[in-house]
Amino acid sequence: MSTDMAALCAAESFSWPSIPGAQVTGLEASYVSNVTKFISEYYYYNHGNVQATELSFCNVTLSYQHIGKNDSVMVGVYLPSENWNGRMQGLGGNGYTGGLTSVTSVGMIGGVAEGYVTVTTNGGHTGTGGFNDDPSKWALKSDGSLDYQSIEDLATVSLNDAALYAKSLTESVYGTQPKYSYWTGCSQGGRQGMQLAQKYPDAYDGIVAASPAINWSEMFVSGVWTQFVMNMMNEYPYACEIDAITAAAVSACDAADGVVDGIVSDPTACEFDPFSAVGTTINCTDTNSTRTISNATAQIVNATWTGPRGSDGRFLWYGYEKGATLTGGVTVANTECSNSTCIGAPVSMFVDWLQVFVEQDLDFTLANITTHEQFDLVFKKSLQKWGTYLGTNNPDLSGFRNAGGKMLSYHGMMDEVIPSQGSMDYYDRVLSQDANAADYYRFFEAPMMGHCYGTHGGYPSTIFDSVVAWVENGTVPETLPVQYTPEDGKTYDRILCPYPQTVKYKGTGNHTLAESFYCAK
């Protein structure tokens, strides 16, 4: 088919596809050949590493707008020249971006190398897919008011549009639509997968929604909670103090799964008290000196683990697990220090939420929140404005179930960006509506794993293959294989268990082997 694809891969060869409520405004096609590239699992979410060798494909970019709307959305589709496996794979975005970035383009090559037609959408705006993308460029109109059409494009409709357009282009090239269609994504891509299952249950047969960024209205305000607490206390600890408490928690809770190995299998059951570390002397690399862990630092860590509470003490949202990285990079307790003075360093993505979506005021900062009651008000405004619109947390999956869909999800328990208990909360609510939800939707906790990838391992690289096997062969994923690399440098083979089960050591056997562990109810 290579020669045929090279000839077909021209804009004039395609008839412009049509879907209800939208019209194509442009179509570009280019033939890409002889691509040899190593695709790291880091860029190809929910898969393992892939080696592309002399790969050829047709790269189609389609632009369209919704009829009567002043928007513009783009869809990217890669169509394999050879060895199409009869399937389609949709890839999700990151941050505030729907997809069609340099990150997703790498993953799309991985998909084509495995024989999939691959598709992604920019959700109506361009971006890098990083944590520093500026939502004010697309979520606000020139007069400063909210652009609800643009927001809706990203949140919902572009996802179904992309699936419909990709299936149409697939049929025009191969003479048939995909036999099976799958979605894969993490963070924003995980939220997109959840949205597809909730609102467009016929779009994909199988979905992997990893570390899903659902509950936006709660999660994004919660992301500034620790910084707010530091501002109220006027205390900004060195990272070394916070990190020392984190390490002490991991050490204290390590043995709960039956073996001491640097892996905390169930951090939600960890009862380590951060105040027990107060007064401990540590060697601080931030200051090249010894420091004593202060009571203020313990209060800040405790508030981060507990999660935001109202001024009256009521629960607002979940905190981060004991053991999650709280300093450096994109983390909620980060500080910037110089000349023995530290200041708070809030995550820009969370501040952007306050400025753009809650206040529509680009000059708004955390300094504007001077009392706990004001924090309560900001949280309430976020929930009232966006709880149902962008929450992507509808527990009714009956449409997806009735369509025969299968969904797998996991969340890194040491996620430093999105509190993992939000995913547990969602799964519990799904089960409350359908006690048999595990027949089509399973959620796995990934101990020691950070946001989408990283820390000490636990990344389930076979989960996409598992959803394919579930959809096509009826093979139910009872466990998922993972590997850990603790600080001693050894590689440990383990399993992930479907929530609410947790991993336990059998009491005998080599604790570096998966066969020595089981799922405890």
Protein backbone atom coordinates (compact mmCIF):
# COMPACT_ATOMS: atom_id res chain seq x y z
CA MET A 1 0.00 0.00 0.00
CA SER A 2 3.03 2.36 0.34
CA THR A 3 2.98 3.48 -3.28
CA ASP A 4 -0.79 3.95 -3.22
CA MET A 5 -0.59 5.99 0.01
CA ALA A 6 2.11 8.24 -1.42
CA ALA A 7 -0.17 8.96 -4.38
CA LEU A 8 -3.28 9.38 -2.26
CA CYS A 9 -1.66 11.64 0.31
CA ALA A 10 -2.49 14.95 -1.28
CA ALA A 11 -5.12 17.45 -0.22
CA GLU A 12 -6.94 17.21 -3.55
CA SER A 13 -7.27 13.42 -3.17
CA PHE A 14 -9.54 13.75 -0.14
CA SER A 15 -13.20 14.65 -0.29
CA TRP A 16 -13.85 16.99 2.61
CA PRO A 17 -15.62 14.99 5.31
CA SER A 18 -18.85 16.22 6.80
CA ILE A 19 -20.20 15.94 10.32
CA PRO A 20 -23.35 17.47 11.83
CA GLY A 21 -23.05 21.07 13.00
CA ALA A 22 -19.62 21.76 11.53
CA GLN A 23 -17.99 22.66 8.24
CA VAL A 24 -14.46 21.99 7.06
CA THR A 25 -12.50 25.15 6.24
CA GLY A 26 -9.22 23.61 5.17
CA LEU A 27 -7.39 20.33 4.62
CA GLU A 28 -3.66 19.78 4.26
CA ALA A 29 -1.95 16.47 3.56
CA SER A 30 1.71 15.51 3.31
CA TYR A 31 3.41 12.17 2.85
CA VAL A 32 6.03 11.41 5.48
CA SER A 33 8.50 8.60 4.76
CA ASN A 34 11.49 6.76 6.20
CA VAL A 35 10.95 7.82 9.81
CA THR A 36 13.26 5.97 12.18
CA LYS A 37 12.72 7.11 15.74
CA PHE A 38 12.73 5.73 19.27
CA ILE A 39 9.47 6.63 21.01
CA SER A 40 9.87 6.71 24.77
CA GLU A 41 6.91 5.60 26.85
CA TYR A 42 7.16 9.05 28.46
CA TYR A 43 5.72 10.55 25.25
CA TYR A 44 3.37 7.70 24.40
CA TYR A 45 1.08 7.56 27.41
CA ASN A 46 -0.15 4.17 28.61
CA HIS A 47 2.21 2.29 26.32
CA GLY A 48 5.74 0.97 26.55
CA ASN A 49 8.68 2.14 24.45
CA VAL A 50 8.30 1.82 20.67
CA GLN A 51 10.95 1.75 17.97
CA ALA A 52 9.75 3.16 14.63
CA THR A 53 11.86 1.97 11.69
CA GLU A 54 11.58 3.38 8.16
CA LEU A 55 8.01 4.34 8.92
CA SER A 56 5.82 6.02 6.30
CA PHE A 57 2.43 7.64 6.79
CA CYS A 58 0.07 10.31 5.53
CA ASN A 59 -0.15 13.36 7.80
CA VAL A 60 -3.52 15.08 7.42
CA THR A 61 -4.42 18.31 9.19
CA LEU A 62 -8.06 19.33 8.98
CA SER A 63 -9.46 22.71 10.02
CA TYR A 64 -13.13 23.34 10.70
CA GLN A 65 -15.58 25.56 12.51
CA HIS A 66 -18.99 25.01 14.02
CA ILE A 67 -21.79 26.43 11.94
CA GLY A 68 -22.85 29.84 13.19
CA LYS A 69 -19.95 30.00 15.66
CA ASN A 70 -16.84 32.13 15.57
CA ASP A 71 -14.39 29.34 16.35
CA SER A 72 -11.64 27.40 14.60
CA VAL A 73 -10.58 23.86 15.51
CA MET A 74 -7.87 21.64 14.07
CA VAL A 75 -7.62 17.84 13.91
CA GLY A 76 -4.45 15.92 13.09
CA VAL A 77 -4.60 12.40 11.67
CA TYR A 78 -1.71 10.05 10.80
CA LEU A 79 -2.64 7.24 8.41
CA PRO A 80 -0.17 4.31 8.14
CA SER A 81 1.15 3.45 4.68
CA GLU A 82 1.65 -0.19 5.57
CA ASN A 83 0.33 -2.70 8.08
CA TRP A 84 -2.73 -0.79 9.21
CA ASN A 85 -4.15 -2.97 11.97
CA GLY A 86 -7.75 -1.95 11.34
CA ARG A 87 -7.88 0.18 14.49
CA MET A 88 -7.87 3.87 15.39
CA GLN A 89 -6.22 5.48 18.41
CA GLY A 90 -7.05 8.93 19.75
CA LEU A 91 -4.37 10.73 21.77
CA GLY A 92 -5.14 13.31 24.45
CA GLY A 93 -3.48 16.58 25.39
CA ASN A 94 -1.76 18.11 28.40
CA GLY A 95 -2.24 21.14 30.61
CA TYR A 96 -4.80 23.49 29.14
CA THR A 97 -4.18 22.16 25.63
CA GLY A 98 -6.37 19.61 23.86
CA GLY A 99 -3.57 18.09 21.81
CA LEU A 100 -1.85 18.57 18.44
CA THR A 101 1.41 19.57 20.10
CA SER A 102 5.02 18.46 19.76
CA VAL A 103 4.36 15.98 22.57
CA THR A 104 1.34 14.36 20.94
CA SER A 105 3.10 14.24 17.56
CA VAL A 106 5.74 11.98 19.08
CA GLY A 107 3.07 9.71 20.54
CA MET A 108 1.24 9.64 17.22
CA ILE A 109 4.35 8.28 15.51
CA GLY A 110 4.39 5.56 18.14
CA GLY A 111 0.76 4.77 17.34
CA VAL A 112 1.44 4.55 13.60
CA ALA A 113 4.46 2.34 14.25
CA GLU A 114 2.10 -0.07 16.02
CA GLY A 115 -0.30 0.01 13.07
CA TYR A 116 -2.92 2.47 14.31
CA VAL A 117 -4.54 5.36 12.53
CA THR A 118 -3.86 8.04 15.11
CA VAL A 119 -5.80 11.24 15.78
CA THR A 120 -5.60 14.23 18.07
CA THR A 121 -7.30 17.62 18.27
CA ASN A 122 -6.09 21.01 19.41
CA GLY A 123 -9.49 21.56 21.06
CA GLY A 124 -9.79 24.95 19.38
CA HIS A 125 -6.49 26.57 20.32
CA THR A 126 -2.76 26.02 20.02
CA GLY A 127 -0.34 25.51 22.88
CA THR A 128 2.73 23.58 23.94
CA GLY A 129 0.84 21.24 26.23
CA GLY A 130 2.97 22.31 29.19
CA PHE A 131 2.03 23.72 32.58
CA ASN A 132 2.79 27.28 31.44
CA ASP A 133 0.25 27.55 28.62
CA ASP A 134 -1.74 30.76 29.03
CA PRO A 135 -5.52 30.15 28.98
CA SER A 136 -6.26 33.87 28.79
CA LYS A 137 -5.31 33.72 25.10
CA TRP A 138 -8.31 31.53 24.27
CA ALA A 139 -10.73 31.46 27.21
CA LEU A 140 -11.24 35.24 27.30
CA LYS A 141 -12.62 37.52 24.60
CA SER A 142 -10.97 40.83 23.76
CA ASP A 143 -13.29 42.61 26.21
CA GLY A 144 -12.18 40.32 29.04
CA SER A 145 -15.38 38.27 29.19
CA LEU A 146 -15.37 34.49 29.02
CA ASP A 147 -15.36 32.87 25.59
CA TYR A 148 -17.75 30.03 26.30
CA GLN A 149 -17.59 28.68 22.74
CA SER A 150 -13.83 28.27 22.94
CA ILE A 151 -14.10 26.70 26.38
CA GLU A 152 -16.79 24.30 25.19
CA ASP A 153 -14.63 23.31 22.20
CA LEU A 154 -11.80 22.28 24.52
CA ALA A 155 -13.98 20.74 27.20
CA THR A 156 -16.30 18.59 25.12
CA VAL A 157 -17.34 18.92 21.49
CA SER A 158 -13.91 18.79 19.81
CA LEU A 159 -13.39 15.29 21.21
CA ASN A 160 -16.34 13.75 19.41
CA ASP A 161 -15.69 15.85 16.31
CA ALA A 162 -12.13 14.49 16.04
CA ALA A 163 -13.33 10.89 16.30
CA LEU A 164 -15.94 11.42 13.57
CA TYR A 165 -13.53 13.20 11.22
CA ALA A 166 -10.78 10.60 11.73
CA LYS A 167 -13.15 7.72 11.04
CA SER A 168 -14.32 9.44 7.86
CA LEU A 169 -10.76 10.03 6.63
CA THR A 170 -9.88 6.43 7.46
CA GLU A 171 -12.74 5.17 5.35
CA SER A 172 -11.76 7.41 2.44
CA VAL A 173 -8.24 5.94 2.41
CA TYR A 174 -8.77 2.29 3.33
CA GLY A 175 -12.34 1.80 2.13
CA THR A 176 -13.63 0.99 5.60
CA GLN A 177 -13.93 2.65 8.99
CA PRO A 178 -11.85 1.32 11.90
CA LYS A 179 -13.12 -1.95 13.32
CA TYR A 180 -12.15 -0.76 16.80
CA SER A 181 -11.36 2.71 18.12
CA TYR A 182 -9.40 3.47 21.31
CA TRP A 183 -8.52 6.55 23.34
CA THR A 184 -5.39 7.10 25.40
CA GLY A 185 -4.34 10.05 27.50
CA CYS A 186 -3.09 11.30 30.85
CA SER A 187 -3.94 14.38 32.90
CA GLN A 188 -5.86 16.59 30.42
CA GLY A 189 -5.89 13.55 28.14
CA GLY A 190 -7.30 11.50 31.01
CA ARG A 191 -10.03 14.08 31.54
CA GLN A 192 -10.79 13.95 27.82
CA GLY A 193 -11.13 10.18 28.02
CA MET A 194 -13.54 10.51 30.93
CA GLN A 195 -15.53 13.13 29.02
CA LEU A 196 -15.82 10.80 26.04
CA ALA A 197 -17.14 7.98 28.24
CA GLN A 198 -19.59 10.30 29.97
CA LYS A 199 -20.90 12.34 27.03
CA TYR A 200 -19.92 10.54 23.80
CA PRO A 201 -20.15 6.84 24.67
CA ASP A 202 -20.16 5.72 21.03
CA ALA A 203 -16.99 7.54 20.00
CA TYR A 204 -14.50 4.94 21.28
CA ASP A 205 -14.75 1.25 22.11
CA GLY A 206 -11.98 1.36 24.69
CA ILE A 207 -10.56 4.19 26.79
CA VAL A 208 -7.50 4.55 29.00
CA ALA A 209 -7.91 7.66 31.14
CA ALA A 210 -4.78 8.04 33.28
CA SER A 211 -4.43 10.50 36.18
CA PRO A 212 -7.53 12.26 34.88
CA ALA A 213 -7.78 16.00 35.49
CA ILE A 214 -11.43 15.83 36.45
CA ASN A 215 -13.03 17.98 39.18
CA TRP A 216 -11.43 21.11 37.70
CA SER A 217 -13.35 23.55 39.86
CA GLU A 218 -12.16 21.91 43.09
CA MET A 219 -8.73 20.74 41.96
CA PHE A 220 -7.41 24.03 40.57
CA VAL A 221 -8.35 26.12 43.60
CA SER A 222 -6.99 23.39 45.85
CA GLY A 223 -3.70 23.75 44.00
CA VAL A 224 -3.09 27.13 45.68
CA TRP A 225 -4.19 26.00 49.16
CA THR A 226 -0.69 25.35 50.48
CA GLN A 227 0.56 28.68 49.15
CA PHE A 228 -2.41 30.40 50.79
CA VAL A 229 -1.59 28.70 54.10
CA MET A 230 2.02 29.86 53.84
CA ASN A 231 0.85 33.42 53.13
CA MET A 232 -1.48 33.38 56.13
CA MET A 233 1.33 32.11 58.36
CA ASN A 234 3.98 34.28 56.68
CA GLU A 235 6.17 31.20 56.72
CA TYR A 236 8.02 29.88 53.64
CA PRO A 237 10.17 26.86 54.53
CA TYR A 238 13.24 25.67 52.70
CA ALA A 239 12.53 22.68 50.50
CA CYS A 240 14.89 20.52 52.55
CA GLU A 241 12.62 20.73 55.61
CA ILE A 242 9.51 19.73 53.68
CA ASP A 243 11.39 16.97 51.85
CA ALA A 244 12.66 15.58 55.16
CA ILE A 245 9.10 15.21 56.46
CA THR A 246 8.07 13.53 53.21
CA ALA A 247 10.96 11.05 53.50
CA ALA A 248 10.07 10.35 57.14
CA ALA A 249 6.49 9.54 56.13
CA VAL A 250 7.63 7.08 53.46
CA SER A 251 9.97 5.42 55.91
CA ALA A 252 7.29 5.17 58.60
CA CYS A 253 4.66 3.67 56.28
CA ASP A 254 6.90 1.45 54.15
CA ALA A 255 6.21 -1.78 56.06
CA ALA A 256 2.40 -1.58 55.85
CA ASP A 257 2.29 -3.81 52.74
CA GLY A 258 4.28 -6.52 54.51
CA VAL A 259 7.81 -5.74 53.33
CA VAL A 260 10.31 -2.90 53.85
CA ASP A 261 11.52 -1.91 50.38
CA GLY A 262 11.01 1.83 49.96
CA ILE A 263 7.56 1.30 48.41
CA VAL A 264 4.38 2.49 50.15
CA SER A 265 1.60 0.45 48.60
CA ASP A 266 -1.29 2.18 50.37
CA PRO A 267 -0.45 5.77 51.28
CA THR A 268 -4.08 6.51 52.17
CA ALA A 269 -3.61 4.25 55.19
CA CYS A 270 -0.41 5.99 56.26
CA GLU A 271 -0.96 7.62 59.66
CA PHE A 272 2.39 9.36 60.00
CA ASP A 273 2.14 12.57 62.04
CA PRO A 274 4.26 15.37 60.52
CA PHE A 275 4.53 17.06 63.91
CA SER A 276 6.55 14.10 65.16
CA ALA A 277 9.40 15.38 62.97
CA VAL A 278 9.48 18.81 64.64
CA GLY A 279 12.84 19.48 66.26
CA THR A 280 14.70 16.96 64.08
CA THR A 281 18.06 18.23 62.84
CA ILE A 282 18.75 17.65 59.14
CA ASN A 283 21.52 18.38 56.71
CA CYS A 284 20.01 20.96 54.36
CA THR A 285 21.49 21.07 50.86
CA ASP A 286 19.55 24.28 50.19
CA THR A 287 21.66 26.14 52.77
CA ASN A 288 24.69 23.84 53.00
CA SER A 289 24.12 23.72 56.73
CA THR A 290 22.13 21.89 59.37
CA ARG A 291 18.59 23.00 60.06
CA THR A 292 15.90 22.03 62.56
CA ILE A 293 12.47 21.14 61.26
CA SER A 294 10.08 23.77 62.57
CA ASN A 295 6.53 23.53 63.80
CA ALA A 296 5.50 25.92 60.99
CA THR A 297 6.88 23.54 58.38
CA ALA A 298 4.95 20.66 59.94
CA GLN A 299 1.77 22.75 59.86
CA ILE A 300 2.29 23.52 56.17
CA VAL A 301 2.93 19.88 55.27
CA ASN A 302 -0.05 18.78 57.34
CA ALA A 303 -2.30 21.27 55.54
CA THR A 304 -1.04 19.98 52.19
CA TRP A 305 -1.77 16.38 53.12
CA THR A 306 -5.15 17.20 54.67
CA GLY A 307 -6.30 19.36 51.76
CA PRO A 308 -8.26 22.60 51.80
CA ARG A 309 -10.74 23.19 54.56
CA GLY A 310 -13.23 26.00 54.95
CA SER A 311 -12.92 28.70 57.59
CA ASP A 312 -15.43 26.69 59.61
CA GLY A 313 -13.33 23.52 59.27
CA ARG A 314 -15.53 21.80 56.70
CA PHE A 315 -14.04 19.59 54.00
CA LEU A 316 -13.52 21.30 50.64
CA TRP A 317 -11.28 18.92 48.69
CA TYR A 318 -8.62 16.25 49.00
CA GLY A 319 -4.98 16.81 49.78
CA TYR A 320 -1.85 15.13 48.43
CA GLU A 321 -0.74 11.73 49.63
CA LYS A 322 2.02 11.28 52.17
CA GLY A 323 5.12 10.67 50.11
CA ALA A 324 4.17 12.87 47.16
CA THR A 325 6.86 15.32 46.10
CA LEU A 326 5.87 18.75 47.42
CA THR A 327 8.84 20.89 46.35
CA GLY A 328 10.69 21.66 43.14
CA GLY A 329 9.25 21.86 39.64
CA VAL A 330 5.46 21.93 39.40
CA THR A 331 4.62 21.34 43.06
CA VAL A 332 2.20 22.95 45.48
CA ALA A 333 4.56 23.72 48.40
CA ASN A 334 7.37 25.14 46.30
CA THR A 335 9.33 28.14 47.55
CA GLU A 336 12.08 30.27 46.04
CA CYS A 337 14.93 31.19 48.33
CA SER A 338 17.83 33.64 48.13
CA ASN A 339 19.95 35.39 50.73
CA SER A 340 18.36 33.34 53.52
CA THR A 341 14.90 34.59 52.54
CA CYS A 342 12.20 32.44 50.94
CA ILE A 343 8.96 33.38 49.20
CA GLY A 344 6.08 31.28 47.91
CA ALA A 345 6.20 29.98 44.35
CA PRO A 346 2.67 29.00 43.30
CA VAL A 347 2.08 26.85 40.23
CA SER A 348 1.21 29.17 37.35
CA MET A 349 -1.49 26.83 36.00
CA PHE A 350 -3.42 27.10 39.25
CA VAL A 351 -3.08 30.87 39.47
CA ASP A 352 -4.22 31.11 35.84
CA TRP A 353 -7.41 29.32 36.83
CA LEU A 354 -8.16 31.96 39.45
CA GLN A 355 -7.37 34.83 37.12
CA VAL A 356 -9.12 33.61 33.99
CA PHE A 357 -11.92 31.26 34.96
CA VAL A 358 -12.93 32.46 38.43
CA GLU A 359 -12.23 36.20 38.52
CA GLN A 360 -11.69 37.25 34.86
CA ASP A 361 -9.00 39.54 36.21
CA LEU A 362 -5.43 39.01 35.00
CA ASP A 363 -4.11 41.17 37.82
CA PHE A 364 -5.61 38.89 40.45
CA THR A 365 -2.99 37.08 42.56
CA LEU A 366 -2.93 35.13 45.79
CA ALA A 367 -2.15 38.41 47.53
CA ASN A 368 -5.77 39.33 46.87
CA ILE A 369 -6.88 36.49 49.16
CA THR A 370 -6.11 37.91 52.59
CA THR A 371 -8.52 35.94 54.79
CA HIS A 372 -9.74 32.37 55.06
CA GLU A 373 -13.26 33.60 54.34
CA GLN A 374 -12.04 35.05 51.04
CA PHE A 375 -10.51 31.71 50.14
CA ASP A 376 -13.89 30.09 50.87
CA LEU A 377 -15.55 32.55 48.50
CA VAL A 378 -13.09 31.87 45.68
CA PHE A 379 -13.59 28.14 46.09
CA LYS A 380 -17.38 28.57 46.07
CA LYS A 381 -17.28 30.76 42.95
CA SER A 382 -15.14 28.21 41.13
CA LEU A 383 -17.52 25.39 42.01
CA GLN A 384 -20.66 27.34 41.12
CA LYS A 385 -19.33 28.51 37.75
CA TRP A 386 -17.61 25.36 36.54
CA GLY A 387 -18.66 22.38 38.66
CA THR A 388 -20.85 20.84 35.98
CA TYR A 389 -19.48 22.66 32.94
CA LEU A 390 -15.85 21.60 33.24
CA GLY A 391 -15.98 19.10 36.09
CA THR A 392 -16.09 16.00 33.86
CA ASN A 393 -17.17 14.04 36.91
CA ASN A 394 -20.63 12.71 36.01
CA PRO A 395 -20.76 9.22 37.56
CA ASP A 396 -23.49 8.03 35.20
CA LEU A 397 -21.67 5.79 32.70
CA SER A 398 -24.76 3.87 31.64
CA GLY A 399 -24.45 5.10 28.05
CA PHE A 400 -20.88 3.86 27.81
CA ARG A 401 -21.85 0.56 29.43
CA ASN A 402 -24.79 0.10 27.04
CA ALA A 403 -22.55 0.86 24.07
CA GLY A 404 -20.29 -2.01 25.11
CA GLY A 405 -17.36 0.24 25.98
CA LYS A 406 -14.51 -0.67 28.31
CA MET A 407 -12.46 1.83 30.30
CA LEU A 408 -9.31 1.52 32.40
CA SER A 409 -7.92 4.26 34.58
CA TYR A 410 -5.05 4.62 37.01
CA HIS A 411 -3.69 7.39 39.16
CA GLY A 412 -0.22 7.78 40.61
CA MET A 413 -0.62 7.79 44.36
CA MET A 414 2.31 10.18 44.65
CA ASP A 415 0.85 12.55 42.05
CA GLU A 416 2.22 15.98 42.83
CA VAL A 417 -0.22 17.86 40.56
CA ILE A 418 -3.64 16.18 40.86
CA PRO A 419 -4.63 14.63 44.22
CA SER A 420 -5.22 10.95 43.57
CA GLN A 421 -8.16 10.72 45.96
CA GLY A 422 -10.23 12.68 43.47
CA SER A 423 -10.09 9.64 41.18
CA MET A 424 -11.00 7.32 44.03
CA ASP A 425 -13.91 9.57 44.90
CA TYR A 426 -15.14 9.44 41.30
CA TYR A 427 -14.90 5.65 41.12
CA ASP A 428 -16.78 5.33 44.41
CA ARG A 429 -19.57 7.50 43.01
CA VAL A 430 -19.72 5.41 39.82
CA LEU A 431 -20.08 2.28 41.96
CA SER A 432 -22.82 3.94 43.99
CA GLN A 433 -24.82 4.24 40.77
CA ASP A 434 -23.85 0.88 39.33
CA ALA A 435 -22.54 -1.80 41.69
CA ASN A 436 -21.40 -3.82 38.66
CA ALA A 437 -19.35 -1.02 37.11
CA ALA A 438 -16.20 -3.16 37.33
CA ASP A 439 -17.66 -5.15 34.44
CA TYR A 440 -16.75 -2.26 32.11
CA TYR A 441 -14.67 0.24 34.12
CA ARG A 442 -11.72 -0.48 36.40
CA PHE A 443 -9.53 1.93 38.31
CA PHE A 444 -6.01 1.10 39.53
CA GLU A 445 -3.99 2.87 42.18
CA ALA A 446 -0.32 3.25 41.23
CA PRO A 447 1.78 3.50 44.42
CA MET A 448 4.97 5.59 44.30
CA MET A 449 4.11 7.00 40.87
CA GLY A 450 3.97 10.75 40.28
CA HIS A 451 1.95 12.71 37.75
CA CYS A 452 1.53 10.53 34.64
CA TYR A 453 5.05 9.19 34.98
CA GLY A 454 8.13 9.28 37.16
CA THR A 455 9.34 9.09 40.76
CA HIS A 456 10.17 5.50 41.75
CA GLY A 457 8.13 3.70 39.11
CA GLY A 458 4.81 1.92 39.12
CA TYR A 459 3.93 3.03 35.58
CA PRO A 460 1.58 0.44 33.97
CA SER A 461 3.01 0.39 30.45
CA THR A 462 0.76 -2.49 29.36
CA ILE A 463 -2.56 -0.87 30.26
CA PHE A 464 -3.43 0.13 26.70
CA ASP A 465 -2.86 -3.42 25.50
CA SER A 466 -5.05 -4.56 28.40
CA VAL A 467 -7.99 -2.44 27.30
CA VAL A 468 -7.60 -3.75 23.73
CA ALA A 469 -7.65 -7.34 25.04
CA TRP A 470 -10.68 -6.55 27.19
CA VAL A 471 -12.61 -5.04 24.28
CA GLU A 472 -11.68 -7.58 21.63
CA ASN A 473 -11.17 -10.81 23.57
CA GLY A 474 -13.11 -10.28 26.78
CA THR A 475 -9.92 -10.65 28.83
CA VAL A 476 -10.65 -8.94 32.14
CA PRO A 477 -7.60 -7.12 33.60
CA GLU A 478 -7.41 -8.48 37.15
CA THR A 479 -3.96 -6.94 37.75
CA LEU A 480 -1.43 -4.85 35.83
CA PRO A 481 2.33 -5.55 35.81
CA VAL A 482 4.65 -2.74 36.88
CA GLN A 483 8.25 -2.20 37.90
CA TYR A 484 9.74 -0.13 40.70
CA THR A 485 13.25 1.18 41.06
CA PRO A 486 13.79 2.12 44.71
CA GLU A 487 16.77 4.16 45.80
CA ASP A 488 18.95 1.09 46.22
CA GLY A 489 18.98 0.73 42.43
CA LYS A 490 17.26 -2.64 42.24
CA THR A 491 14.34 -3.30 39.93
CA TYR A 492 11.27 -4.76 41.60
CA ASP A 493 8.52 -6.48 39.62
CA ARG A 494 5.10 -5.88 41.15
CA ILE A 495 1.42 -5.68 40.32
CA LEU A 496 -1.23 -2.99 40.49
CA CYS A 497 -4.59 -4.00 41.90
CA PRO A 498 -8.02 -2.73 40.91
CA TYR A 499 -9.43 -0.32 43.48
CA PRO A 500 -10.43 -0.79 46.25
CA GLN A 501 -8.03 -3.74 46.53
CA THR A 502 -4.45 -3.06 47.63
CA VAL A 503 -1.16 -4.86 47.07
CA LYS A 504 0.10 -7.09 49.91
CA TYR A 505 3.17 -9.28 50.35
CA LYS A 506 2.35 -12.98 50.71
CA GLY A 507 4.78 -13.24 53.60
CA THR A 508 7.20 -15.54 51.81
CA GLY A 509 9.10 -15.40 48.57
CA ASN A 510 11.42 -12.98 46.82
CA HIS A 511 9.98 -9.51 47.33
CA THR A 512 11.47 -8.31 44.05
CA LEU A 513 9.13 -10.65 42.13
CA ALA A 514 5.48 -9.96 41.32
CA GLU A 515 4.48 -13.51 42.21
CA SER A 516 5.21 -12.76 45.86
CA PHE A 517 2.32 -10.28 46.07
CA TYR A 518 -1.46 -10.47 45.90
CA CYS A 519 -4.47 -8.16 45.85
CA ALA A 520 -6.07 -7.81 49.28
CA LYS A 521 -9.70 -6.86 49.61
